[in-house]
PDB file of N, CA and C in Angstrom:
ATOM      1  N   MET A   1      39.407   8.966  15.648  1.00  0.00           N
ATOM      2  CA  MET A   1      38.865   8.833  14.308  1.00  0.00           C
ATOM      3  C   MET A   1      38.024  10.073  14.025  1.00  0.00           C
ATOM      4  N   ASP A   2      38.211  10.660  12.848  1.00  0.00           N
ATOM      5  CA  ASP A   2      37.391  11.793  12.456  1.00  0.00           C
ATOM      6  C   ASP A   2      36.383  11.349  11.399  1.00  0.00           C
ATOM      7  N   LEU A   3      35.559  12.283  10.942  1.00  0.00           N
ATOM      8  CA  LEU A   3      34.492  11.933  10.001  1.00  0.00           C
ATOM      9  C   LEU A   3      35.049  11.374   8.696  1.00  0.00           C
ATOM     10  N   GLY A   4      36.123  11.950   8.204  1.00  0.00           N
ATOM     11  CA  GLY A   4      36.728  11.446   6.970  1.00  0.00           C
ATOM     12  C   GLY A   4      37.203  10.012   7.113  1.00  0.00           C
ATOM     13  N   GLU A   5      37.834   9.704   8.234  1.00  0.00           N
ATOM     14  CA  GLU A   5      38.298   8.340   8.481  1.00  0.00           C
ATOM     15  C   GLU A   5      37.116   7.384   8.632  1.00  0.00           C
ATOM     16  N   PHE A   6      36.058   7.872   9.276  1.00  0.00           N
ATOM     17  CA  PHE A   6      34.867   7.036   9.442  1.00  0.00           C
ATOM     18  C   PHE A   6      34.251   6.724   8.075  1.00  0.00           C
ATOM     19  N   LYS A   7      34.158   7.736   7.225  1.00  0.00           N
ATOM     20  CA  LYS A   7      33.619   7.504   5.883  1.00  0.00           C
ATOM     21  C   LYS A   7      34.512   6.555   5.095  1.00  0.00           C
ATOM     22  N   SER A   8      35.821   6.660   5.271  1.00  0.00           N
ATOM     23  CA  SER A   8      36.743   5.740   4.601  1.00  0.00           C
ATOM     24  C   SER A   8      36.551   4.311   5.074  1.00  0.00           C
ATOM     25  N   ALA A   9      36.127   4.144   6.324  1.00  0.00           N
ATOM     26  CA  ALA A   9      35.896   2.807   6.873  1.00  0.00           C
ATOM     27  C   ALA A   9      34.723   2.112   6.189  1.00  0.00           C
ATOM     28  N   LEU A  10      33.935   2.855   5.427  1.00  0.00           N
ATOM     29  CA  LEU A  10      32.828   2.240   4.697  1.00  0.00           C
ATOM     30  C   LEU A  10      33.328   1.314   3.589  1.00  0.00           C
ATOM     31  N   ASP A  11      34.603   1.427   3.233  1.00  0.00           N
ATOM     32  CA  ASP A  11      35.187   0.527   2.246  1.00  0.00           C
ATOM     33  C   ASP A  11      35.514  -0.846   2.831  1.00  0.00           C
ATOM     34  N   GLN A  12      35.449  -0.957   4.146  1.00  0.00           N
ATOM     35  CA  GLN A  12      35.774  -2.216   4.821  1.00  0.00           C
ATOM     36  C   GLN A  12      34.550  -3.138   4.846  1.00  0.00           C
ATOM     37  N   ASP A  13      34.786  -4.385   5.198  1.00  0.00           N
ATOM     38  CA  ASP A  13      33.712  -5.377   5.275  1.00  0.00           C
ATOM     39  C   ASP A  13      32.959  -5.350   6.593  1.00  0.00           C
ATOM     40  N   ALA A  14      33.537  -4.707   7.597  1.00  0.00           N
ATOM     41  CA  ALA A  14      32.912  -4.629   8.918  1.00  0.00           C
ATOM     42  C   ALA A  14      33.237  -3.261   9.516  1.00  0.00           C
ATOM     43  N   PRO A  15      32.356  -2.780  10.399  1.00  0.00           N
ATOM     44  CA  PRO A  15      32.630  -1.482  11.025  1.00  0.00           C
ATOM     45  C   PRO A  15      33.786  -1.589  12.015  1.00  0.00           C
ATOM     46  N   PRO A  16      34.468  -0.487  12.251  1.00  0.00           N
ATOM     47  CA  PRO A  16      35.513  -0.510  13.278  1.00  0.00           C
ATOM     48  C   PRO A  16      34.907  -0.914  14.626  1.00  0.00           C
ATOM     49  N   GLU A  17      35.522  -1.845  15.297  1.00  0.00           N
ATOM     50  CA  GLU A  17      34.984  -2.354  16.563  1.00  0.00           C
ATOM     51  C   GLU A  17      35.024  -1.321  17.675  1.00  0.00           C
ATOM     52  N   GLU A  18      35.998  -0.421  17.635  1.00  0.00           N
ATOM     53  CA  GLU A  18      36.211   0.503  18.741  1.00  0.00           C
ATOM     54  C   GLU A  18      35.250   1.685  18.763  1.00  0.00           C
ATOM     55  N   ILE A  19      34.338   1.790  17.816  1.00  0.00           N
ATOM     56  CA  ILE A  19      33.517   3.001  17.731  1.00  0.00           C
ATOM     57  C   ILE A  19      32.203   2.947  18.499  1.00  0.00           C
ATOM     58  N   GLY A  20      31.788   1.812  18.958  1.00  0.00           N
ATOM     59  CA  GLY A  20      30.549   1.718  19.722  1.00  0.00           C
ATOM     60  C   GLY A  20      29.328   1.478  18.849  1.00  0.00           C
ATOM     61  N   ALA A  21      28.244   1.085  19.488  1.00  0.00           N
ATOM     62  CA  ALA A  21      27.040   0.630  18.781  1.00  0.00           C
ATOM     63  C   ALA A  21      26.372   1.713  17.941  1.00  0.00           C
ATOM     64  N   ALA A  22      26.269   2.932  18.454  1.00  0.00           N
ATOM     65  CA  ALA A  22      25.568   3.987  17.705  1.00  0.00           C
ATOM     66  C   ALA A  22      26.284   4.285  16.397  1.00  0.00           C
ATOM     67  N   LEU A  23      27.604   4.427  16.435  1.00  0.00           N
ATOM     68  CA  LEU A  23      28.354   4.685  15.202  1.00  0.00           C
ATOM     69  C   LEU A  23      28.373   3.453  14.296  1.00  0.00           C
ATOM     70  N   GLN A  24      28.434   2.280  14.890  1.00  0.00           N
ATOM     71  CA  GLN A  24      28.357   1.072  14.069  1.00  0.00           C
ATOM     72  C   GLN A  24      27.015   1.008  13.345  1.00  0.00           C
ATOM     73  N   ALA A  25      25.945   1.439  14.004  1.00  0.00           N
ATOM     74  CA  ALA A  25      24.629   1.472  13.361  1.00  0.00           C
ATOM     75  C   ALA A  25      24.658   2.413  12.155  1.00  0.00           C
ATOM     76  N   LEU A  26      25.267   3.584  12.311  1.00  0.00           N
ATOM     77  CA  LEU A  26      25.373   4.510  11.178  1.00  0.00           C
ATOM     78  C   LEU A  26      26.202   3.898  10.052  1.00  0.00           C
ATOM     79  N   TRP A  27      27.250   3.178  10.397  1.00  0.00           N
ATOM     80  CA  TRP A  27      28.082   2.510   9.393  1.00  0.00           C
ATOM     81  C   TRP A  27      27.226   1.524   8.590  1.00  0.00           C
ATOM     82  N   HIS A  28      26.445   0.701   9.294  1.00  0.00           N
ATOM     83  CA  HIS A  28      25.600  -0.283   8.598  1.00  0.00           C
ATOM     84  C   HIS A  28      24.551   0.401   7.727  1.00  0.00           C
ATOM     85  N   GLN A  29      23.984   1.500   8.208  1.00  0.00           N
ATOM     86  CA  GLN A  29      22.998   2.218   7.404  1.00  0.00           C
ATOM     87  C   GLN A  29      23.642   2.730   6.116  1.00  0.00           C
ATOM     88  N   ALA A  30      24.834   3.281   6.227  1.00  0.00           N
ATOM     89  CA  ALA A  30      25.522   3.792   5.044  1.00  0.00           C
ATOM     90  C   ALA A  30      25.853   2.676   4.059  1.00  0.00           C
ATOM     91  N   LYS A  31      26.018   1.472   4.561  1.00  0.00           N
ATOM     92  CA  LYS A  31      26.286   0.317   3.707  1.00  0.00           C
ATOM     93  C   LYS A  31      24.998  -0.299   3.153  1.00  0.00           C
ATOM     94  N   GLY A  32      23.851   0.255   3.542  1.00  0.00           N
ATOM     95  CA  GLY A  32      22.578  -0.221   3.011  1.00  0.00           C
ATOM     96  C   GLY A  32      21.911  -1.322   3.818  1.00  0.00           C
ATOM     97  N   ASP A  33      22.385  -1.567   5.025  1.00  0.00           N
ATOM     98  CA  ASP A  33      21.807  -2.626   5.850  1.00  0.00           C
ATOM     99  C   ASP A  33      21.016  -2.001   7.004  1.00  0.00           C
ATOM    100  N   TRP A  34      19.792  -1.556   6.696  1.00  0.00           N
ATOM    101  CA  TRP A  34      18.955  -0.888   7.686  1.00  0.00           C
ATOM    102  C   TRP A  34      18.663  -1.806   8.872  1.00  0.00           C
ATOM    103  N   ALA A  35      18.395  -3.075   8.597  1.00  0.00           N
ATOM    104  CA  ALA A  35      18.035  -4.003   9.680  1.00  0.00           C
ATOM    105  C   ALA A  35      19.169  -4.145  10.695  1.00  0.00           C
ATOM    106  N   ALA A  36      20.388  -4.310  10.233  1.00  0.00           N
ATOM    107  CA  ALA A  36      21.528  -4.397  11.149  1.00  0.00           C
ATOM    108  C   ALA A  36      21.718  -3.085  11.896  1.00  0.00           C
ATOM    109  N   ALA A  37      21.536  -1.988  11.188  1.00  0.00           N
ATOM    110  CA  ALA A  37      21.662  -0.667  11.815  1.00  0.00           C
ATOM    111  C   ALA A  37      20.629  -0.498  12.918  1.00  0.00           C
ATOM    112  N   HIS A  38      19.397  -0.884  12.631  1.00  0.00           N
ATOM    113  CA  HIS A  38      18.328  -0.738  13.612  1.00  0.00           C
ATOM    114  C   HIS A  38      18.573  -1.616  14.831  1.00  0.00           C
ATOM    115  N   LYS A  39      18.995  -2.842  14.608  1.00  0.00           N
ATOM    116  CA  LYS A  39      19.275  -3.746  15.721  1.00  0.00           C
ATOM    117  C   LYS A  39      20.360  -3.160  16.622  1.00  0.00           C
ATOM    118  N   LEU A  40      21.429  -2.650  16.038  1.00  0.00           N
ATOM    119  CA  LEU A  40      22.499  -2.039  16.830  1.00  0.00           C
ATOM    120  C   LEU A  40      22.011  -0.792  17.552  1.00  0.00           C
ATOM    121  N   SER A  41      21.209   0.013  16.875  1.00  0.00           N
ATOM    122  CA  SER A  41      20.745   1.254  17.502  1.00  0.00           C
ATOM    123  C   SER A  41      19.856   0.957  18.703  1.00  0.00           C
ATOM    124  N   GLN A  42      19.124  -0.133  18.645  1.00  0.00           N
ATOM    125  CA  GLN A  42      18.267  -0.487  19.770  1.00  0.00           C
ATOM    126  C   GLN A  42      19.075  -0.817  21.021  1.00  0.00           C
ATOM    127  N   SER A  43      20.319  -1.228  20.838  1.00  0.00           N
ATOM    128  CA  SER A  43      21.148  -1.552  22.000  1.00  0.00           C
ATOM    129  C   SER A  43      21.711  -0.302  22.665  1.00  0.00           C
ATOM    130  N   SER A  44      21.569   0.846  22.017  1.00  0.00           N
ATOM    131  CA  SER A  44      22.149   2.072  22.578  1.00  0.00           C
ATOM    132  C   SER A  44      21.112   3.166  22.809  1.00  0.00           C
ATOM    133  N   ILE A  45      19.808   2.828  22.768  1.00  0.00           N
ATOM    134  CA  ILE A  45      18.771   3.861  22.848  1.00  0.00           C
ATOM    135  C   ILE A  45      18.608   4.465  24.233  1.00  0.00           C
ATOM    136  N   ARG A  46      19.256   3.909  25.219  1.00  0.00           N
ATOM    137  CA  ARG A  46      19.149   4.484  26.564  1.00  0.00           C
ATOM    138  C   ARG A  46      19.863   5.834  26.653  1.00  0.00           C
ATOM    139  N   SER A  47      20.821   6.051  25.766  1.00  0.00           N
ATOM    140  CA  SER A  47      21.528   7.334  25.746  1.00  0.00           C
ATOM    141  C   SER A  47      20.867   8.265  24.722  1.00  0.00           C
ATOM    142  N   GLU A  48      21.070   9.561  24.896  1.00  0.00           N
ATOM    143  CA  GLU A  48      20.528  10.514  23.923  1.00  0.00           C
ATOM    144  C   GLU A  48      21.153  10.298  22.548  1.00  0.00           C
ATOM    145  N   ASP A  49      22.438   9.962  22.498  1.00  0.00           N
ATOM    146  CA  ASP A  49      23.085   9.713  21.209  1.00  0.00           C
ATOM    147  C   ASP A  49      22.474   8.499  20.519  1.00  0.00           C
ATOM    148  N   GLY A  50      22.238   7.454  21.282  1.00  0.00           N
ATOM    149  CA  GLY A  50      21.615   6.265  20.710  1.00  0.00           C
ATOM    150  C   GLY A  50      20.204   6.538  20.229  1.00  0.00           C
ATOM    151  N   ALA A  51      19.459   7.339  20.994  1.00  0.00           N
ATOM    152  CA  ALA A  51      18.105   7.707  20.576  1.00  0.00           C
ATOM    153  C   ALA A  51      18.141   8.547  19.304  1.00  0.00           C
ATOM    154  N   TRP A  52      19.163   9.394  19.161  1.00  0.00           N
ATOM    155  CA  TRP A  52      19.305  10.219  17.953  1.00  0.00           C
ATOM    156  C   TRP A  52      19.525   9.337  16.726  1.00  0.00           C
ATOM    157  N   VAL A  53      20.411   8.355  16.847  1.00  0.00           N
ATOM    158  CA  VAL A  53      20.643   7.433  15.729  1.00  0.00           C
ATOM    159  C   VAL A  53      19.368   6.657  15.424  1.00  0.00           C
ATOM    160  N   HIS A  54      18.692   6.206  16.459  1.00  0.00           N
ATOM    161  CA  HIS A  54      17.446   5.453  16.283  1.00  0.00           C
ATOM    162  C   HIS A  54      16.401   6.318  15.568  1.00  0.00           C
ATOM    163  N   ALA A  55      16.299   7.581  15.953  1.00  0.00           N
ATOM    164  CA  ALA A  55      15.370   8.508  15.304  1.00  0.00           C
ATOM    165  C   ALA A  55      15.706   8.650  13.826  1.00  0.00           C
ATOM    166  N   TYR A  56      16.975   8.849  13.548  1.00  0.00           N
ATOM    167  CA  TYR A  56      17.420   8.994  12.160  1.00  0.00           C
ATOM    168  C   TYR A  56      17.036   7.763  11.337  1.00  0.00           C
ATOM    169  N   LEU A  57      17.252   6.587  11.899  1.00  0.00           N
ATOM    170  CA  LEU A  57      16.931   5.359  11.161  1.00  0.00           C
ATOM    171  C   LEU A  57      15.441   5.269  10.851  1.00  0.00           C
ATOM    172  N   HIS A  58      14.602   5.705  11.782  1.00  0.00           N
ATOM    173  CA  HIS A  58      13.170   5.687  11.485  1.00  0.00           C
ATOM    174  C   HIS A  58      12.802   6.764  10.465  1.00  0.00           C
ATOM    175  N   ARG A  59      13.541   7.854  10.442  1.00  0.00           N
ATOM    176  CA  ARG A  59      13.345   8.855   9.379  1.00  0.00           C
ATOM    177  C   ARG A  59      13.717   8.250   8.029  1.00  0.00           C
ATOM    178  N   VAL A  60      14.829   7.520   7.976  1.00  0.00           N
ATOM    179  CA  VAL A  60      15.237   6.835   6.743  1.00  0.00           C
ATOM    180  C   VAL A  60      14.136   5.885   6.294  1.00  0.00           C
ATOM    181  N   GLU A  61      13.581   5.176   7.245  1.00  0.00           N
ATOM    182  CA  GLU A  61      12.529   4.189   6.964  1.00  0.00           C
ATOM    183  C   GLU A  61      11.243   4.851   6.473  1.00  0.00           C
ATOM    184  N   GLY A  62      11.064   6.121   6.838  1.00  0.00           N
ATOM    185  CA  GLY A  62       9.840   6.826   6.477  1.00  0.00           C
ATOM    186  C   GLY A  62       8.780   6.783   7.557  1.00  0.00           C
ATOM    187  N   ASP A  63       9.127   6.256   8.722  1.00  0.00           N
ATOM    188  CA  ASP A  63       8.196   6.177   9.848  1.00  0.00           C
ATOM    189  C   ASP A  63       8.376   7.447  10.697  1.00  0.00           C
ATOM    190  N   ILE A  64       7.795   8.540  10.215  1.00  0.00           N
ATOM    191  CA  ILE A  64       8.018   9.856  10.820  1.00  0.00           C
ATOM    192  C   ILE A  64       7.466   9.960  12.244  1.00  0.00           C
ATOM    193  N   PRO A  65       6.269   9.450  12.544  1.00  0.00           N
ATOM    194  CA  PRO A  65       5.814   9.527  13.942  1.00  0.00           C
ATOM    195  C   PRO A  65       6.772   8.833  14.916  1.00  0.00           C
ATOM    196  N   ASN A  66       7.268   7.659  14.540  1.00  0.00           N
ATOM    197  CA  ASN A  66       8.219   6.946  15.378  1.00  0.00           C
ATOM    198  C   ASN A  66       9.538   7.723  15.457  1.00  0.00           C
ATOM    199  N   ALA A  67       9.985   8.249  14.334  1.00  0.00           N
ATOM    200  CA  ALA A  67      11.207   9.063  14.328  1.00  0.00           C
ATOM    201  C   ALA A  67      11.062  10.245  15.269  1.00  0.00           C
ATOM    202  N   ASP A  68       9.926  10.942  15.194  1.00  0.00           N
ATOM    203  CA  ASP A  68       9.723  12.116  16.053  1.00  0.00           C
ATOM    204  C   ASP A  68       9.771  11.748  17.532  1.00  0.00           C
ATOM    205  N   TYR A  69       9.216  10.593  17.883  1.00  0.00           N
ATOM    206  CA  TYR A  69       9.282  10.126  19.271  1.00  0.00           C
ATOM    207  C   TYR A  69      10.740  10.003  19.718  1.00  0.00           C
ATOM    208  N   TRP A  70      11.575   9.393  18.862  1.00  0.00           N
ATOM    209  CA  TRP A  70      12.971   9.173  19.232  1.00  0.00           C
ATOM    210  C   TRP A  70      13.782  10.464  19.184  1.00  0.00           C
ATOM    211  N   TYR A  71      13.446  11.359  18.263  1.00  0.00           N
ATOM    212  CA  TYR A  71      14.121  12.668  18.284  1.00  0.00           C
ATOM    213  C   TYR A  71      13.841  13.366  19.619  1.00  0.00           C
ATOM    214  N   LYS A  72      12.603  13.290  20.072  1.00  0.00           N
ATOM    215  CA  LYS A  72      12.251  13.912  21.350  1.00  0.00           C
ATOM    216  C   LYS A  72      13.052  13.270  22.480  1.00  0.00           C
ATOM    217  N   ARG A  73      13.161  11.952  22.475  1.00  0.00           N
ATOM    218  CA  ARG A  73      13.952  11.256  23.508  1.00  0.00           C
ATOM    219  C   ARG A  73      15.421  11.670  23.455  1.00  0.00           C
ATOM    220  N   ALA A  74      15.883  12.040  22.277  1.00  0.00           N
ATOM    221  CA  ALA A  74      17.272  12.465  22.101  1.00  0.00           C
ATOM    222  C   ALA A  74      17.463  13.944  22.415  1.00  0.00           C
ATOM    223  N   GLY A  75      16.358  14.651  22.686  1.00  0.00           N
ATOM    224  CA  GLY A  75      16.453  16.086  22.933  1.00  0.00           C
ATOM    225  C   GLY A  75      16.673  16.875  21.663  1.00  0.00           C
ATOM    226  N   LYS A  76      16.203  16.347  20.549  1.00  0.00           N
ATOM    227  CA  LYS A  76      16.388  16.962  19.224  1.00  0.00           C
ATOM    228  C   LYS A  76      15.034  17.157  18.555  1.00  0.00           C
ATOM    229  N   THR A  77      15.032  17.977  17.527  1.00  0.00           N
ATOM    230  CA  THR A  77      13.876  18.061  16.637  1.00  0.00           C
ATOM    231  C   THR A  77      14.268  17.388  15.327  1.00  0.00           C
ATOM    232  N   ARG A  78      13.270  16.925  14.611  1.00  0.00           N
ATOM    233  CA  ARG A  78      13.543  16.245  13.342  1.00  0.00           C
ATOM    234  C   ARG A  78      14.309  17.175  12.403  1.00  0.00           C
ATOM    235  N   SER A  79      15.332  16.645  11.816  1.00  0.00           N
ATOM    236  CA  SER A  79      16.187  17.407  10.922  1.00  0.00           C
ATOM    237  C   SER A  79      15.461  17.724   9.619  1.00  0.00           C
ATOM    238  N   THR A  80      15.805  18.857   9.047  1.00  0.00           N
ATOM    239  CA  THR A  80      15.304  19.215   7.719  1.00  0.00           C
ATOM    240  C   THR A  80      16.403  19.034   6.673  1.00  0.00           C
ATOM    241  N   LEU A  81      17.565  18.564   7.122  1.00  0.00           N
ATOM    242  CA  LEU A  81      18.661  18.279   6.194  1.00  0.00           C
ATOM    243  C   LEU A  81      18.321  17.048   5.365  1.00  0.00           C
ATOM    244  N   SER A  82      19.039  16.874   4.265  1.00  0.00           N
ATOM    245  CA  SER A  82      18.910  15.620   3.527  1.00  0.00           C
ATOM    246  C   SER A  82      19.360  14.491   4.441  1.00  0.00           C
ATOM    247  N   LEU A  83      18.945  13.278   4.138  1.00  0.00           N
ATOM    248  CA  LEU A  83      19.348  12.130   4.952  1.00  0.00           C
ATOM    249  C   LEU A  83      20.870  11.986   4.981  1.00  0.00           C
ATOM    250  N   GLU A  84      21.521  12.225   3.844  1.00  0.00           N
ATOM    251  CA  GLU A  84      22.975  12.110   3.776  1.00  0.00           C
ATOM    252  C   GLU A  84      23.653  13.143   4.670  1.00  0.00           C
ATOM    253  N   LYS A  85      23.148  14.369   4.645  1.00  0.00           N
ATOM    254  CA  LYS A  85      23.747  15.421   5.476  1.00  0.00           C
ATOM    255  C   LYS A  85      23.484  15.176   6.957  1.00  0.00           C
ATOM    256  N   GLU A  86      22.288  14.683   7.272  1.00  0.00           N
ATOM    257  CA  GLU A  86      22.018  14.383   8.670  1.00  0.00           C
ATOM    258  C   GLU A  86      22.919  13.240   9.151  1.00  0.00           C
ATOM    259  N   TRP A  87      23.129  12.242   8.313  1.00  0.00           N
ATOM    260  CA  TRP A  87      24.033  11.147   8.665  1.00  0.00           C
ATOM    261  C   TRP A  87      25.401  11.712   9.047  1.00  0.00           C
ATOM    262  N   SER A  88      25.920  12.600   8.214  1.00  0.00           N
ATOM    263  CA  SER A  88      27.228  13.206   8.487  1.00  0.00           C
ATOM    264  C   SER A  88      27.204  14.050   9.756  1.00  0.00           C
ATOM    265  N   GLU A  89      26.102  14.764   9.979  1.00  0.00           N
ATOM    266  CA  GLU A  89      25.982  15.577  11.186  1.00  0.00           C
ATOM    267  C   GLU A  89      26.030  14.698  12.436  1.00  0.00           C
ATOM    268  N   ILE A  90      25.260  13.628  12.428  1.00  0.00           N
ATOM    269  CA  ILE A  90      25.230  12.732  13.593  1.00  0.00           C
ATOM    270  C   ILE A  90      26.584  12.061  13.778  1.00  0.00           C
ATOM    271  N   ALA A  91      27.131  11.505  12.702  1.00  0.00           N
ATOM    272  CA  ALA A  91      28.415  10.818  12.806  1.00  0.00           C
ATOM    273  C   ALA A  91      29.499  11.774  13.305  1.00  0.00           C
ATOM    274  N   GLY A  92      29.533  12.978  12.776  1.00  0.00           N
ATOM    275  CA  GLY A  92      30.534  13.953  13.210  1.00  0.00           C
ATOM    276  C   GLY A  92      30.388  14.299  14.673  1.00  0.00           C
ATOM    277  N   ALA A  93      29.144  14.483  15.118  1.00  0.00           N
ATOM    278  CA  ALA A  93      28.898  14.820  16.520  1.00  0.00           C
ATOM    279  C   ALA A  93      29.315  13.667  17.443  1.00  0.00           C
ATOM    280  N   LEU A  94      28.959  12.451  17.069  1.00  0.00           N
ATOM    281  CA  LEU A  94      29.321  11.302  17.911  1.00  0.00           C
ATOM    282  C   LEU A  94      30.828  11.084  17.943  1.00  0.00           C
ATOM    283  N   LEU A  95      31.466  11.245  16.814  1.00  0.00           N
ATOM    284  CA  LEU A  95      32.920  11.075  16.758  1.00  0.00           C
ATOM    285  C   LEU A  95      33.638  12.144  17.586  1.00  0.00           C
ATOM    286  N   SER A  96      33.095  13.331  17.613  1.00  0.00           N
ATOM    287  CA  SER A  96      33.750  14.416  18.373  1.00  0.00           C
ATOM    288  C   SER A  96      33.664  14.195  19.874  1.00  0.00           C
ATOM    289  N   ARG A  97      32.729  13.352  20.305  1.00  0.00           N
ATOM    290  CA  ARG A  97      32.559  13.079  21.737  1.00  0.00           C
ATOM    291  C   ARG A  97      33.358  11.864  22.215  1.00  0.00           C
ATOM    292  N   ARG A  98      34.040  11.223  21.324  1.00  0.00           N
ATOM    293  CA  ARG A  98      34.805  10.015  21.696  1.00  0.00           C
ATOM    294  C   ARG A  98      36.105  10.394  22.346  1.00  0.00           C
TER     295      ARG A  98
END
């Protein structure tokens, strides 16, 4: 699955099952369900990718100190991109590693 296909999956009622928790969290965030996204991201925070998604979600929430903590755990610095562009950056990176 590439980024275009992942974005097309946003038209569905549920995220693709085969993509894993971190990408499913991004799917839920794009659909406007932050709580579901956060719950899923918490199940994958042991990995750097999961921590990156978790950081992004706290940036979306506006909790910058918490976001910065998770960016550090992910080995990243807080993005200066728009939230939409960062979403695409993270999703593209995670999809490329599948």
